């Protein structure tokens, strides 16, 4: 599942069922988190409360941050 910080850091609270069944969450656009007043770490915490086994990748396609971890995840799957 891919979410953007621009959706708000309460996205997990709004849609808990989706996160409870997901194997992976990619939190994208972390480079704009401060600008949109979102806390990506809160999104991670909330997702792990609902689903302790969920894998989480925080990334920004704009800056490339976290992209290497995404590629690694794909090849390990």
N, C-alpha and C. Protein backbone atom coordinates (compact mmCIF):
# COMPACT_ATOMS: atom_id res chain seq x y z
N UNK A 1 0.84 -1.16 0.00
CA UNK A 1 0.00 0.00 0.00
C UNK A 1 0.89 1.22 0.00
N UNK A 2 0.55 2.20 -0.81
CA UNK A 2 1.32 3.44 -0.88
C UNK A 2 0.43 4.58 -0.41
N UNK A 3 0.97 5.35 0.53
CA UNK A 3 0.28 6.55 1.00
C UNK A 3 1.26 7.71 0.92
N UNK A 4 0.73 8.89 0.89
CA UNK A 4 1.54 10.10 0.84
C UNK A 4 1.34 10.89 2.12
N UNK A 5 2.40 11.54 2.58
CA UNK A 5 2.24 12.37 3.77
C UNK A 5 1.23 13.48 3.53
N UNK A 6 1.01 13.85 2.28
CA UNK A 6 0.04 14.89 1.97
C UNK A 6 -1.40 14.46 2.27
N UNK A 7 -1.61 13.16 2.48
CA UNK A 7 -2.93 12.67 2.87
C UNK A 7 -3.20 12.91 4.35
N UNK A 8 -2.17 13.31 5.09
CA UNK A 8 -2.31 13.60 6.51
C UNK A 8 -1.82 12.44 7.36
N UNK A 9 -1.28 12.79 8.52
CA UNK A 9 -0.73 11.74 9.38
C UNK A 9 -1.80 10.97 10.14
N UNK A 10 -3.07 11.30 9.90
CA UNK A 10 -4.17 10.56 10.51
C UNK A 10 -4.77 9.52 9.55
N UNK A 11 -4.12 9.28 8.44
CA UNK A 11 -4.64 8.35 7.42
C UNK A 11 -4.84 6.95 7.98
N UNK A 12 -3.94 6.52 8.86
CA UNK A 12 -4.06 5.17 9.44
C UNK A 12 -5.29 5.11 10.33
N UNK A 13 -5.51 6.15 11.12
CA UNK A 13 -6.67 6.19 12.01
C UNK A 13 -7.98 6.20 11.21
N UNK A 14 -7.97 6.82 10.05
CA UNK A 14 -9.18 6.91 9.22
C UNK A 14 -9.50 5.59 8.51
N UNK A 15 -8.47 4.78 8.23
CA UNK A 15 -8.66 3.55 7.45
C UNK A 15 -7.95 2.36 8.09
N UNK A 16 -8.27 2.04 9.34
CA UNK A 16 -7.53 0.98 10.04
C UNK A 16 -7.64 -0.40 9.40
N UNK A 17 -8.77 -0.71 8.80
CA UNK A 17 -8.94 -2.05 8.21
C UNK A 17 -7.93 -2.29 7.08
N UNK A 18 -7.71 -1.30 6.27
CA UNK A 18 -6.76 -1.44 5.17
C UNK A 18 -5.36 -1.73 5.71
N UNK A 19 -4.97 -1.02 6.75
CA UNK A 19 -3.63 -1.19 7.31
C UNK A 19 -3.51 -2.49 8.10
N UNK A 20 -4.61 -2.98 8.62
CA UNK A 20 -4.55 -4.22 9.40
C UNK A 20 -4.25 -5.43 8.53
N UNK A 21 -4.53 -5.34 7.24
CA UNK A 21 -4.30 -6.48 6.34
C UNK A 21 -3.12 -6.29 5.40
N UNK A 22 -2.49 -5.13 5.44
CA UNK A 22 -1.38 -4.84 4.52
C UNK A 22 -0.09 -5.52 4.99
N UNK A 23 0.71 -5.94 4.03
CA UNK A 23 2.03 -6.50 4.33
C UNK A 23 3.09 -5.41 4.35
N UNK A 24 2.86 -4.36 3.56
CA UNK A 24 3.84 -3.29 3.40
C UNK A 24 3.12 -1.97 3.23
N UNK A 25 3.66 -0.94 3.85
CA UNK A 25 3.19 0.42 3.61
C UNK A 25 4.39 1.24 3.16
N UNK A 26 4.21 1.94 2.08
CA UNK A 26 5.22 2.89 1.62
C UNK A 26 4.67 4.27 1.90
N UNK A 27 5.38 5.02 2.70
CA UNK A 27 5.00 6.40 2.99
C UNK A 27 5.84 7.27 2.08
N UNK A 28 5.20 7.84 1.08
CA UNK A 28 5.90 8.61 0.05
C UNK A 28 5.80 10.11 0.33
N UNK A 29 6.63 10.84 -0.36
CA UNK A 29 6.70 12.31 -0.28
C UNK A 29 7.14 12.79 1.10
N UNK A 30 8.02 12.04 1.74
CA UNK A 30 8.46 12.46 3.08
C UNK A 30 9.22 13.78 3.04
N UNK A 31 9.67 14.17 1.85
CA UNK A 31 10.38 15.45 1.72
C UNK A 31 9.46 16.64 1.96
N UNK A 32 8.15 16.46 1.86
CA UNK A 32 7.22 17.59 2.07
C UNK A 32 6.46 17.48 3.39
N UNK A 33 6.84 16.54 4.23
CA UNK A 33 6.10 16.31 5.48
C UNK A 33 5.96 17.58 6.31
N UNK A 34 7.04 18.29 6.48
CA UNK A 34 6.99 19.51 7.29
C UNK A 34 6.08 20.56 6.65
N UNK A 35 6.14 20.69 5.34
CA UNK A 35 5.34 21.69 4.64
C UNK A 35 3.84 21.42 4.76
N UNK A 36 3.46 20.15 4.85
CA UNK A 36 2.04 19.81 4.95
C UNK A 36 1.64 19.47 6.39
N UNK A 37 2.56 19.75 7.32
CA UNK A 37 2.32 19.54 8.75
C UNK A 37 1.92 18.10 9.06
N UNK A 38 2.68 17.16 8.50
CA UNK A 38 2.41 15.74 8.73
C UNK A 38 3.62 15.11 9.40
N UNK A 39 3.36 14.13 10.22
CA UNK A 39 4.41 13.42 10.96
C UNK A 39 4.48 11.98 10.44
N UNK A 40 5.47 11.71 9.59
CA UNK A 40 5.61 10.37 9.01
C UNK A 40 5.87 9.33 10.09
N UNK A 41 6.59 9.71 11.14
CA UNK A 41 6.85 8.76 12.23
C UNK A 41 5.56 8.37 12.95
N UNK A 42 4.63 9.30 13.07
CA UNK A 42 3.32 8.99 13.67
C UNK A 42 2.58 7.97 12.79
N UNK A 43 2.69 8.14 11.49
CA UNK A 43 2.04 7.21 10.57
C UNK A 43 2.60 5.80 10.76
N UNK A 44 3.92 5.72 10.94
CA UNK A 44 4.56 4.42 11.19
C UNK A 44 4.08 3.83 12.50
N UNK A 45 4.09 4.64 13.56
CA UNK A 45 3.64 4.15 14.88
C UNK A 45 2.20 3.65 14.82
N UNK A 46 1.33 4.44 14.21
CA UNK A 46 -0.09 4.07 14.12
C UNK A 46 -0.26 2.76 13.34
N UNK A 47 0.47 2.62 12.24
CA UNK A 47 0.36 1.40 11.43
C UNK A 47 0.82 0.18 12.22
N UNK A 48 1.88 0.35 13.00
CA UNK A 48 2.42 -0.79 13.75
C UNK A 48 1.57 -1.13 14.97
N UNK A 49 0.81 -0.19 15.47
CA UNK A 49 -0.14 -0.49 16.54
C UNK A 49 -1.25 -1.39 15.99
N UNK A 50 -1.73 -1.06 14.81
CA UNK A 50 -2.80 -1.83 14.18
C UNK A 50 -2.29 -3.16 13.64
N UNK A 51 -1.07 -3.14 13.10
CA UNK A 51 -0.50 -4.33 12.46
C UNK A 51 1.00 -4.42 12.80
N UNK A 52 1.34 -5.07 13.90
CA UNK A 52 2.74 -5.11 14.35
C UNK A 52 3.70 -5.76 13.35
N UNK A 53 3.20 -6.55 12.42
CA UNK A 53 4.07 -7.24 11.46
C UNK A 53 4.26 -6.47 10.15
N UNK A 54 3.65 -5.32 10.03
CA UNK A 54 3.71 -4.58 8.78
C UNK A 54 5.13 -4.05 8.54
N UNK A 55 5.60 -4.18 7.31
CA UNK A 55 6.85 -3.56 6.90
C UNK A 55 6.55 -2.14 6.47
N UNK A 56 7.45 -1.22 6.79
CA UNK A 56 7.24 0.18 6.46
C UNK A 56 8.48 0.73 5.77
N UNK A 57 8.26 1.41 4.66
CA UNK A 57 9.33 2.13 3.97
C UNK A 57 8.92 3.58 3.86
N UNK A 58 9.77 4.46 4.32
CA UNK A 58 9.55 5.89 4.13
C UNK A 58 10.44 6.33 2.98
N UNK A 59 9.85 7.03 2.01
CA UNK A 59 10.66 7.40 0.86
C UNK A 59 10.18 8.69 0.21
N UNK A 60 11.05 9.21 -0.62
CA UNK A 60 10.74 10.37 -1.44
C UNK A 60 11.29 10.10 -2.83
N UNK A 61 10.42 10.00 -3.79
CA UNK A 61 10.90 9.81 -5.16
C UNK A 61 11.60 11.06 -5.66
N UNK A 62 11.21 12.21 -5.14
CA UNK A 62 11.83 13.47 -5.56
C UNK A 62 13.30 13.52 -5.16
N UNK A 63 13.60 13.17 -3.91
CA UNK A 63 14.98 13.25 -3.43
C UNK A 63 15.72 11.92 -3.55
N UNK A 64 14.97 10.84 -3.74
CA UNK A 64 15.58 9.51 -3.82
C UNK A 64 15.73 8.84 -2.47
N UNK A 65 15.41 9.54 -1.40
CA UNK A 65 15.54 8.97 -0.06
C UNK A 65 14.66 7.73 0.07
N UNK A 66 15.25 6.63 0.52
CA UNK A 66 14.51 5.40 0.75
C UNK A 66 14.29 4.55 -0.49
N UNK A 67 14.62 5.08 -1.67
CA UNK A 67 14.37 4.33 -2.91
C UNK A 67 15.19 3.05 -2.96
N UNK A 68 16.42 3.11 -2.46
CA UNK A 68 17.27 1.92 -2.46
C UNK A 68 16.67 0.80 -1.61
N UNK A 69 16.02 1.18 -0.51
CA UNK A 69 15.38 0.18 0.34
C UNK A 69 14.18 -0.45 -0.37
N UNK A 70 13.47 0.34 -1.15
CA UNK A 70 12.33 -0.16 -1.92
C UNK A 70 12.81 -1.17 -2.96
N UNK A 71 13.86 -0.84 -3.68
CA UNK A 71 14.41 -1.76 -4.68
C UNK A 71 14.88 -3.04 -4.01
N UNK A 72 15.55 -2.91 -2.88
CA UNK A 72 16.01 -4.09 -2.13
C UNK A 72 14.83 -4.95 -1.72
N UNK A 73 13.76 -4.33 -1.25
CA UNK A 73 12.57 -5.06 -0.84
C UNK A 73 11.99 -5.85 -2.01
N UNK A 74 11.94 -5.23 -3.18
CA UNK A 74 11.39 -5.90 -4.36
C UNK A 74 12.20 -7.15 -4.70
N UNK A 75 13.51 -7.03 -4.67
CA UNK A 75 14.35 -8.16 -5.04
C UNK A 75 14.40 -9.25 -3.98
N UNK A 76 14.07 -8.91 -2.74
CA UNK A 76 14.06 -9.89 -1.66
C UNK A 76 12.73 -10.64 -1.59
N UNK A 77 11.70 -10.08 -2.21
CA UNK A 77 10.36 -10.68 -2.14
C UNK A 77 10.24 -11.92 -2.97
